[in-house]
């Protein structure tokens, strides 16, 4: 189901108010809208919410859609702030823009890349998806920092997490690029890894900024 951005924002606000703060309904005036707002009519036409005495109430289908919507929003926050290192109000704003692009299926890939996070950067819970329970059942570690790999472990580079352009250029010059294979040769006293036919030594701080998807 593809909803407008405004309708999704209402579902997010309802989820926080009802599911996290314990309210029974949501007052649309909190968002400075009325029940005649096109986004409200959109939600009622899809039978996601119902209106009683000027308040919005979740229908079962709407509660599930709200759960998915808040999940996408908080995963987007993790991406912006943890991976892209965009913090503060700008990070929140970019996450709001990006979440609407996370159609079903894309959010699963993002959640897996982020190693199935349980909370957003603000400490609020991220509702788990089926991919989270499947990963736990399979013992899949998802994407981890290079420092969490054992010596001899091979993996695929997922992303580099650094806001320092000098560090980024240094790692890229070593061949540390998303999609490339990497093997951790040694973890003490320094981290030695192999990319292609070359080996490089880096310290722990830099190794913690390389995130890989371990291979079986």
Protein backbone atom coordinates (compact mmCIF):
# COMPACT_ATOMS: atom_id res chain seq x y z
CA UNK A 1 0.00 0.00 0.00
CA UNK A 2 1.43 3.36 -1.06
CA UNK A 3 0.27 6.26 1.09
CA UNK A 4 1.04 9.94 0.78
CA UNK A 5 3.84 11.34 2.92
CA UNK A 6 1.35 13.31 5.00
CA UNK A 7 -0.73 10.20 5.70
CA UNK A 8 2.38 8.32 6.80
CA UNK A 9 3.32 11.18 9.12
CA UNK A 10 -0.11 10.94 10.76
CA UNK A 11 0.33 7.19 11.26
CA UNK A 12 3.73 7.80 12.87
CA UNK A 13 2.29 10.39 15.25
CA UNK A 14 -0.60 8.04 16.09
CA UNK A 15 1.81 5.16 16.76
CA UNK A 16 3.83 7.22 19.23
CA UNK A 17 0.73 8.58 20.96
CA UNK A 18 -1.21 5.31 21.17
CA UNK A 19 1.36 2.51 21.22
CA UNK A 20 4.21 4.19 23.09
CA UNK A 21 2.50 6.79 25.26
CA UNK A 22 -0.57 4.72 26.08
CA UNK A 23 -3.25 6.93 24.57
CA UNK A 24 -6.52 5.51 23.29
CA UNK A 25 -6.81 7.88 20.34
CA UNK A 26 -4.99 10.67 18.53
CA UNK A 27 -6.06 14.30 18.42
CA UNK A 28 -5.36 15.61 14.88
CA UNK A 29 -5.08 19.15 16.23
CA UNK A 30 -1.64 18.18 17.55
CA UNK A 31 -0.52 18.26 13.93
CA UNK A 32 -2.62 21.35 13.23
CA UNK A 33 -4.94 19.46 10.93
CA UNK A 34 -8.66 18.68 10.96
CA UNK A 35 -10.52 15.47 10.29
CA UNK A 36 -11.41 16.92 6.88
CA UNK A 37 -7.75 17.05 5.89
CA UNK A 38 -7.09 15.07 2.66
CA UNK A 39 -4.56 12.86 4.49
CA UNK A 40 -7.15 11.94 7.13
CA UNK A 41 -9.67 11.12 4.41
CA UNK A 42 -7.00 9.01 2.70
CA UNK A 43 -6.48 6.96 5.88
CA UNK A 44 -10.20 6.45 6.44
CA UNK A 45 -10.74 5.48 2.78
CA UNK A 46 -8.16 2.72 3.21
CA UNK A 47 -9.89 1.64 6.43
CA UNK A 48 -6.70 2.26 8.43
CA UNK A 49 -8.25 4.65 10.94
CA UNK A 50 -11.72 5.62 12.04
CA UNK A 51 -12.97 8.93 13.33
CA UNK A 52 -15.06 9.18 16.48
CA UNK A 53 -15.98 12.54 18.02
CA UNK A 54 -13.23 14.27 16.09
CA UNK A 55 -10.49 11.89 17.23
CA UNK A 56 -8.51 9.33 15.22
CA UNK A 57 -8.57 5.69 16.28
CA UNK A 58 -6.48 2.88 14.84
CA UNK A 59 -8.17 0.03 13.06
CA UNK A 60 -6.18 -3.25 13.22
CA UNK A 61 -4.86 -2.76 9.70
CA UNK A 62 -3.89 0.81 10.54
CA UNK A 63 -2.01 -0.23 13.65
CA UNK A 64 0.09 -2.63 11.56
CA UNK A 65 0.67 0.02 8.90
CA UNK A 66 1.69 2.47 11.64
CA UNK A 67 4.17 -0.07 12.99
CA UNK A 68 5.75 -0.47 9.56
CA UNK A 69 5.86 3.29 9.05
CA UNK A 70 7.56 4.11 12.35
CA UNK A 71 9.98 1.24 11.70
CA UNK A 72 11.00 2.74 8.35
CA UNK A 73 11.41 6.18 9.91
CA UNK A 74 13.68 4.96 12.69
CA UNK A 75 15.75 2.80 10.36
CA UNK A 76 16.22 5.89 8.17
CA UNK A 77 17.42 7.79 11.24
CA UNK A 78 20.00 5.08 11.90
CA UNK A 79 21.21 5.26 8.31
CA UNK A 80 21.56 9.03 8.31
CA UNK A 81 23.20 9.37 11.71
CA UNK A 82 25.23 6.15 11.98
CA UNK A 83 26.33 5.57 8.39
CA UNK A 84 26.18 9.00 6.73
CA UNK A 85 27.18 10.77 9.96
CA UNK A 86 24.49 13.43 9.49
CA UNK A 87 23.53 14.46 13.01
CA UNK A 88 21.05 16.74 14.75
CA UNK A 89 18.19 18.48 13.01
CA UNK A 90 19.67 17.86 9.58
CA UNK A 91 19.83 14.13 10.27
CA UNK A 92 16.21 14.12 11.43
CA UNK A 93 15.13 16.09 8.36
CA UNK A 94 16.98 13.83 5.93
CA UNK A 95 15.57 10.74 7.66
CA UNK A 96 12.04 12.12 7.22
CA UNK A 97 12.69 12.56 3.50
CA UNK A 98 14.35 9.18 3.02
CA UNK A 99 11.87 7.04 4.95
CA UNK A 100 9.23 7.49 2.27
CA UNK A 101 11.54 5.80 -0.23
CA UNK A 102 11.83 2.64 1.86
CA UNK A 103 9.18 0.57 0.15
CA UNK A 104 8.59 -2.93 1.42
CA UNK A 105 11.69 -4.97 0.68
CA UNK A 106 14.11 -2.04 0.74
CA UNK A 107 13.57 -1.63 4.48
CA UNK A 108 14.54 -5.29 4.96
CA UNK A 109 17.82 -4.76 3.11
CA UNK A 110 18.52 -1.62 5.15
CA UNK A 111 17.70 -3.36 8.43
CA UNK A 112 20.05 -6.22 7.53
CA UNK A 113 22.82 -3.80 6.56
CA UNK A 114 22.44 -2.03 9.90
CA UNK A 115 22.57 -5.37 11.75
CA UNK A 116 18.92 -5.27 12.88
CA UNK A 117 19.12 -2.35 15.34
CA UNK A 118 16.70 -2.40 18.26
CA UNK A 119 16.56 1.36 18.88
CA UNK A 120 16.83 4.58 16.90
CA UNK A 121 19.61 7.12 17.63
CA UNK A 122 17.25 8.78 20.14
CA UNK A 123 16.82 5.53 22.08
CA UNK A 124 13.27 4.82 20.90
CA UNK A 125 12.43 1.22 19.98
CA UNK A 126 12.46 0.09 16.37
CA UNK A 127 9.65 -2.43 15.86
CA UNK A 128 11.32 -5.65 14.70
CA UNK A 129 10.66 -7.11 11.27
CA UNK A 130 10.56 -10.70 10.13
CA UNK A 131 14.18 -10.32 9.02
CA UNK A 132 15.20 -9.62 12.63
CA UNK A 133 13.71 -12.81 14.05
CA UNK A 134 15.02 -14.84 11.11
CA UNK A 135 18.53 -13.47 11.66
CA UNK A 136 18.42 -14.29 15.38
CA UNK A 137 17.15 -17.79 14.66
CA UNK A 138 19.88 -18.40 12.09
CA UNK A 139 22.59 -16.84 14.25
CA UNK A 140 23.28 -14.36 11.44
CA UNK A 141 25.51 -11.57 12.74
CA UNK A 142 24.52 -9.24 9.93
CA UNK A 143 26.87 -6.32 9.32
CA UNK A 144 29.56 -5.80 11.97
CA UNK A 145 32.66 -3.69 12.48
CA UNK A 146 35.88 -5.27 11.30
CA UNK A 147 37.02 -5.31 14.93
CA UNK A 148 34.27 -7.84 15.72
CA UNK A 149 35.60 -10.36 13.20
CA UNK A 150 37.95 -13.17 14.15
CA UNK A 151 41.38 -13.56 12.60
CA UNK A 152 41.02 -15.46 9.34
CA UNK A 153 37.40 -14.29 8.88
CA UNK A 154 36.42 -13.16 5.40
CA UNK A 155 33.61 -10.82 4.55
CA UNK A 156 32.14 -8.36 2.10
CA UNK A 157 32.62 -4.68 2.81
CA UNK A 158 29.24 -3.07 3.48
CA UNK A 159 30.17 0.53 4.20
CA UNK A 160 32.70 2.87 5.84
CA UNK A 161 31.44 4.88 8.79
CA UNK A 162 33.50 8.01 9.13
CA UNK A 163 32.95 11.72 8.72
CA UNK A 164 36.69 12.31 8.25
CA UNK A 165 37.42 12.75 4.54
CA UNK A 166 41.13 12.03 5.09
CA UNK A 167 40.36 8.66 6.67
CA UNK A 168 37.84 7.90 3.93
CA UNK A 169 40.39 8.61 1.20
CA UNK A 170 43.02 6.53 2.98
CA UNK A 171 40.72 3.51 3.22
CA UNK A 172 39.48 3.88 -0.35
CA UNK A 173 43.09 3.98 -1.57
CA UNK A 174 43.57 0.61 0.15
CA UNK A 175 40.65 -0.81 -1.80
CA UNK A 176 38.21 -0.65 1.10
CA UNK A 177 35.12 -0.11 -1.01
CA UNK A 178 31.56 -1.44 -0.58
CA UNK A 179 31.19 -4.81 -2.27
CA UNK A 180 34.89 -5.75 -2.15
CA UNK A 181 36.02 -8.89 -0.33
CA UNK A 182 38.13 -8.41 2.78
CA UNK A 183 39.94 -10.87 5.03
CA UNK A 184 41.10 -10.08 8.55
CA UNK A 185 44.55 -11.63 8.84
CA UNK A 186 45.48 -10.41 12.32
CA UNK A 187 43.85 -8.38 15.08
CA UNK A 188 46.77 -7.83 17.49
CA UNK A 189 48.78 -5.71 18.06
CA UNK A 190 47.37 -3.99 14.97
CA UNK A 191 44.66 -4.98 12.54
CA UNK A 192 46.04 -6.47 9.34
CA UNK A 193 43.60 -7.18 6.54
CA UNK A 194 43.83 -8.32 2.94
CA UNK A 195 41.92 -6.81 0.03
CA UNK A 196 42.68 -8.44 -3.30
CA UNK A 197 46.38 -9.34 -3.30
CA UNK A 198 47.45 -6.57 -0.91
CA UNK A 199 47.72 -6.47 2.88
CA UNK A 200 47.41 -3.38 5.06
CA UNK A 201 47.87 -2.61 8.75
CA UNK A 202 45.66 -0.11 10.60
CA UNK A 203 44.89 0.72 14.21
CA UNK A 204 41.74 -0.26 16.10
CA UNK A 205 40.10 3.15 15.76
CA UNK A 206 40.22 2.96 11.96
CA UNK A 207 39.25 -0.72 11.90
CA UNK A 208 36.09 0.12 13.85
CA UNK A 209 35.00 2.35 10.97
CA UNK A 210 34.99 -0.51 8.44
CA UNK A 211 31.76 -2.49 8.44
CA UNK A 212 31.59 -5.88 6.80
CA UNK A 213 29.11 -8.66 6.17
CA UNK A 214 30.91 -11.84 7.37
CA UNK A 215 30.87 -14.72 4.91
CA UNK A 216 30.27 -18.34 5.99
